[in-house]
């Protein structure tokens, strides 16, 4: 199963500047594991102590994974995953 994953600018150095990559996995955890095997180091930017980093937002088909089960969120063939760093300012 191939999932299209959109990569934000700040993480593109890990993907050789690719805006989108293809990864495999039936859950968000497995997808991140596959991403990290293809692009070493990206997993550390997404996870901290086995949990999604606080300032990283991930969407499956435009739905925030925090409302879909977090790292256990299920992914199926044809889904689209978008990784977005949270933006803060004042």
N, C-alpha and C. Protein backbone atom coordinates (compact mmCIF):
# COMPACT_ATOMS: atom_id res chain seq x y z
N UNK A 1 0.84 -1.17 0.00
CA UNK A 1 0.00 0.00 0.00
C UNK A 1 0.89 1.23 0.00
N UNK A 2 0.64 2.14 -0.91
CA UNK A 2 1.43 3.36 -1.00
C UNK A 2 0.59 4.56 -0.59
N UNK A 3 1.16 5.35 0.29
CA UNK A 3 0.50 6.55 0.80
C UNK A 3 1.33 7.76 0.40
N UNK A 4 0.67 8.76 -0.18
CA UNK A 4 1.34 10.02 -0.50
C UNK A 4 1.46 10.84 0.77
N UNK A 5 2.67 11.30 1.07
CA UNK A 5 2.94 12.09 2.27
C UNK A 5 3.51 13.44 1.85
N UNK A 6 2.83 14.51 2.22
CA UNK A 6 3.31 15.86 1.92
C UNK A 6 4.24 16.31 3.04
N UNK A 7 5.40 16.82 2.63
CA UNK A 7 6.47 17.18 3.56
C UNK A 7 6.61 18.69 3.64
N UNK A 8 6.62 19.27 4.86
CA UNK A 8 6.79 20.71 4.97
C UNK A 8 8.24 21.12 4.67
N UNK A 9 8.42 22.37 4.32
CA UNK A 9 9.73 22.89 3.94
C UNK A 9 10.80 22.58 4.98
N UNK A 10 10.47 22.72 6.25
CA UNK A 10 11.47 22.55 7.31
C UNK A 10 11.99 21.11 7.39
N UNK A 11 11.23 20.13 6.89
CA UNK A 11 11.67 18.74 6.94
C UNK A 11 12.22 18.24 5.61
N UNK A 12 12.19 19.06 4.59
CA UNK A 12 12.64 18.63 3.26
C UNK A 12 14.13 18.30 3.17
N UNK A 13 15.00 18.85 4.01
CA UNK A 13 16.39 18.39 3.96
C UNK A 13 16.52 16.87 4.18
N UNK A 14 15.58 16.28 4.91
CA UNK A 14 15.61 14.83 5.13
C UNK A 14 15.18 14.06 3.88
N UNK A 15 14.34 14.69 3.05
CA UNK A 15 13.81 14.02 1.86
C UNK A 15 14.46 14.50 0.57
N UNK A 16 15.65 15.08 0.69
CA UNK A 16 16.37 15.60 -0.47
C UNK A 16 15.52 16.62 -1.23
N UNK A 17 14.85 17.48 -0.45
CA UNK A 17 14.03 18.58 -0.96
C UNK A 17 12.77 18.14 -1.71
N UNK A 18 12.34 16.91 -1.52
CA UNK A 18 11.09 16.47 -2.13
C UNK A 18 9.91 17.03 -1.34
N UNK A 19 8.93 17.58 -2.05
CA UNK A 19 7.73 18.13 -1.42
C UNK A 19 6.77 17.03 -1.00
N UNK A 20 6.82 15.92 -1.69
CA UNK A 20 5.96 14.78 -1.39
C UNK A 20 6.75 13.51 -1.60
N UNK A 21 6.46 12.52 -0.75
CA UNK A 21 7.12 11.23 -0.85
C UNK A 21 6.05 10.14 -0.72
N UNK A 22 6.43 8.93 -0.97
CA UNK A 22 5.52 7.79 -0.83
C UNK A 22 6.04 6.92 0.30
N UNK A 23 5.12 6.52 1.19
CA UNK A 23 5.48 5.64 2.30
C UNK A 23 4.40 4.58 2.45
N UNK A 24 4.70 3.57 3.25
CA UNK A 24 3.78 2.46 3.47
C UNK A 24 3.46 2.33 4.95
N UNK A 25 2.27 1.85 5.24
CA UNK A 25 1.88 1.59 6.61
C UNK A 25 0.37 1.63 6.76
N UNK A 26 -0.15 0.78 7.62
CA UNK A 26 -1.60 0.75 7.85
C UNK A 26 -2.00 1.59 9.06
N UNK A 27 -1.00 2.10 9.77
CA UNK A 27 -1.25 3.02 10.89
C UNK A 27 -0.23 4.14 10.81
N UNK A 28 -0.49 5.22 11.53
CA UNK A 28 0.45 6.34 11.51
C UNK A 28 1.81 5.91 12.06
N UNK A 29 1.83 5.07 13.07
CA UNK A 29 3.10 4.58 13.62
C UNK A 29 3.91 3.85 12.55
N UNK A 30 3.26 2.96 11.83
CA UNK A 30 3.96 2.20 10.79
C UNK A 30 4.40 3.10 9.64
N UNK A 31 3.59 4.09 9.31
CA UNK A 31 3.96 5.04 8.26
C UNK A 31 5.20 5.83 8.65
N UNK A 32 5.25 6.32 9.90
CA UNK A 32 6.42 7.08 10.37
C UNK A 32 7.65 6.18 10.41
N UNK A 33 7.48 4.93 10.81
CA UNK A 33 8.60 3.98 10.81
C UNK A 33 9.14 3.81 9.40
N UNK A 34 8.24 3.68 8.42
CA UNK A 34 8.69 3.53 7.03
C UNK A 34 9.35 4.81 6.53
N UNK A 35 8.79 5.96 6.86
CA UNK A 35 9.42 7.23 6.48
C UNK A 35 10.83 7.32 7.03
N UNK A 36 10.99 6.95 8.30
CA UNK A 36 12.31 7.04 8.94
C UNK A 36 13.30 6.05 8.34
N UNK A 37 12.82 4.90 7.87
CA UNK A 37 13.74 3.95 7.23
C UNK A 37 14.20 4.47 5.87
N UNK A 38 13.33 5.20 5.18
CA UNK A 38 13.69 5.78 3.88
C UNK A 38 14.50 7.07 4.02
N UNK A 39 14.15 7.85 5.03
CA UNK A 39 14.75 9.17 5.24
C UNK A 39 15.20 9.28 6.70
N UNK A 40 16.35 8.68 7.02
CA UNK A 40 16.81 8.63 8.41
C UNK A 40 16.83 10.01 9.08
N UNK A 41 16.29 10.02 10.30
CA UNK A 41 16.26 11.25 11.09
C UNK A 41 14.92 11.94 11.10
N UNK A 42 14.09 11.66 10.09
CA UNK A 42 12.80 12.35 10.05
C UNK A 42 11.89 11.90 11.20
N UNK A 43 12.03 10.64 11.60
CA UNK A 43 11.22 10.13 12.71
C UNK A 43 11.47 10.88 14.01
N UNK A 44 12.72 11.24 14.26
CA UNK A 44 13.06 12.00 15.47
C UNK A 44 12.45 13.39 15.46
N UNK A 45 12.21 13.93 14.28
CA UNK A 45 11.59 15.25 14.17
C UNK A 45 10.08 15.19 14.37
N UNK A 46 9.50 14.00 14.19
CA UNK A 46 8.05 13.84 14.33
C UNK A 46 7.65 13.30 15.70
N UNK A 47 8.52 12.47 16.28
CA UNK A 47 8.20 11.81 17.55
C UNK A 47 9.18 12.20 18.65
N UNK A 48 8.66 12.19 19.87
CA UNK A 48 9.49 12.43 21.05
C UNK A 48 9.00 11.51 22.15
N UNK A 49 9.88 10.66 22.65
CA UNK A 49 9.53 9.69 23.69
C UNK A 49 8.34 8.83 23.29
N UNK A 50 8.29 8.44 22.02
CA UNK A 50 7.24 7.55 21.54
C UNK A 50 5.90 8.22 21.29
N UNK A 51 5.85 9.53 21.35
CA UNK A 51 4.60 10.26 21.11
C UNK A 51 4.82 11.33 20.05
N UNK A 52 3.74 11.73 19.41
CA UNK A 52 3.82 12.79 18.42
C UNK A 52 4.26 14.07 19.10
N UNK A 53 5.25 14.74 18.52
CA UNK A 53 5.73 16.00 19.10
C UNK A 53 4.59 17.01 19.18
N UNK A 54 4.63 17.80 20.20
CA UNK A 54 3.56 18.75 20.49
C UNK A 54 3.33 19.74 19.36
N UNK A 55 4.39 20.18 18.70
CA UNK A 55 4.25 21.21 17.68
C UNK A 55 4.29 20.65 16.25
N UNK A 56 3.96 19.37 16.12
CA UNK A 56 3.84 18.76 14.80
C UNK A 56 2.38 18.34 14.64
N UNK A 57 1.78 18.78 13.56
CA UNK A 57 0.41 18.39 13.23
C UNK A 57 0.46 17.47 12.02
N UNK A 58 -0.27 16.37 12.10
CA UNK A 58 -0.35 15.45 10.98
C UNK A 58 -1.82 15.23 10.66
N UNK A 59 -2.12 15.28 9.38
CA UNK A 59 -3.49 15.13 8.91
C UNK A 59 -3.59 13.95 7.96
N UNK A 60 -4.63 13.16 8.12
CA UNK A 60 -4.96 12.10 7.19
C UNK A 60 -6.22 12.55 6.48
N UNK A 61 -6.11 12.77 5.19
CA UNK A 61 -7.25 13.27 4.41
C UNK A 61 -7.87 14.51 5.06
N UNK A 62 -7.04 15.44 5.47
CA UNK A 62 -7.47 16.72 6.07
C UNK A 62 -8.08 16.60 7.47
N UNK A 63 -7.99 15.43 8.09
CA UNK A 63 -8.46 15.23 9.47
C UNK A 63 -7.27 15.12 10.40
N UNK A 64 -7.26 15.90 11.48
CA UNK A 64 -6.17 15.88 12.45
C UNK A 64 -6.10 14.50 13.10
N UNK A 65 -4.90 13.90 13.09
CA UNK A 65 -4.75 12.55 13.64
C UNK A 65 -5.05 12.49 15.13
N UNK A 66 -4.98 13.62 15.82
CA UNK A 66 -5.29 13.61 17.24
C UNK A 66 -6.75 13.25 17.50
N UNK A 67 -7.59 13.44 16.48
CA UNK A 67 -9.00 13.07 16.59
C UNK A 67 -9.30 11.73 15.92
N UNK A 68 -8.27 11.11 15.38
CA UNK A 68 -8.42 9.83 14.69
C UNK A 68 -7.71 8.69 15.40
N UNK A 69 -7.21 8.95 16.60
CA UNK A 69 -6.52 7.90 17.34
C UNK A 69 -5.03 8.12 17.49
N UNK A 70 -4.55 9.30 17.11
CA UNK A 70 -3.13 9.61 17.28
C UNK A 70 -2.26 8.69 16.45
N UNK A 71 -1.24 8.14 17.06
CA UNK A 71 -0.31 7.27 16.34
C UNK A 71 -0.96 5.96 15.90
N UNK A 72 -2.11 5.62 16.52
CA UNK A 72 -2.83 4.41 16.13
C UNK A 72 -3.82 4.66 14.99
N UNK A 73 -3.89 5.90 14.51
CA UNK A 73 -4.82 6.23 13.42
C UNK A 73 -4.57 5.30 12.24
N UNK A 74 -5.65 4.78 11.70
CA UNK A 74 -5.57 3.84 10.59
C UNK A 74 -5.44 4.59 9.26
N UNK A 75 -4.63 4.03 8.38
CA UNK A 75 -4.40 4.60 7.07
C UNK A 75 -4.70 3.51 6.04
N UNK A 76 -5.39 3.90 4.98
CA UNK A 76 -5.70 2.93 3.94
C UNK A 76 -5.18 3.41 2.59
N UNK A 77 -5.09 2.49 1.67
CA UNK A 77 -4.59 2.80 0.34
C UNK A 77 -5.38 3.96 -0.26
N UNK A 78 -4.66 4.91 -0.82
CA UNK A 78 -5.30 6.07 -1.42
C UNK A 78 -5.42 7.27 -0.49
N UNK A 79 -5.16 7.07 0.80
CA UNK A 79 -5.21 8.20 1.74
C UNK A 79 -4.04 9.14 1.46
N UNK A 80 -4.22 10.38 1.90
CA UNK A 80 -3.18 11.39 1.79
C UNK A 80 -2.81 11.84 3.19
N UNK A 81 -1.52 11.93 3.46
CA UNK A 81 -1.03 12.36 4.77
C UNK A 81 -0.25 13.67 4.59
N UNK A 82 -0.57 14.63 5.42
CA UNK A 82 0.11 15.92 5.38
C UNK A 82 0.74 16.18 6.74
N UNK A 83 2.02 16.54 6.73
CA UNK A 83 2.75 16.89 7.95
C UNK A 83 2.91 18.40 7.96
N UNK A 84 2.49 19.03 9.05
CA UNK A 84 2.61 20.49 9.18
C UNK A 84 3.17 20.84 10.54
N UNK A 85 4.22 21.66 10.57
CA UNK A 85 4.67 22.17 11.87
C UNK A 85 3.69 23.23 12.35
N UNK A 86 3.45 23.26 13.64
CA UNK A 86 2.56 24.29 14.20
C UNK A 86 3.26 25.64 14.10
N UNK A 87 2.48 26.65 13.86
CA UNK A 87 3.02 28.02 13.73
C UNK A 87 2.48 28.84 14.90
N UNK A 88 3.38 29.53 15.56
CA UNK A 88 2.97 30.38 16.68
C UNK A 88 3.62 31.75 16.50
N UNK A 89 3.04 32.70 17.08
CA UNK A 89 3.60 34.04 16.96
C UNK A 89 2.75 35.03 17.73
N UNK A 90 3.18 36.24 17.68
CA UNK A 90 2.41 37.21 18.44
C UNK A 90 2.38 38.54 17.77
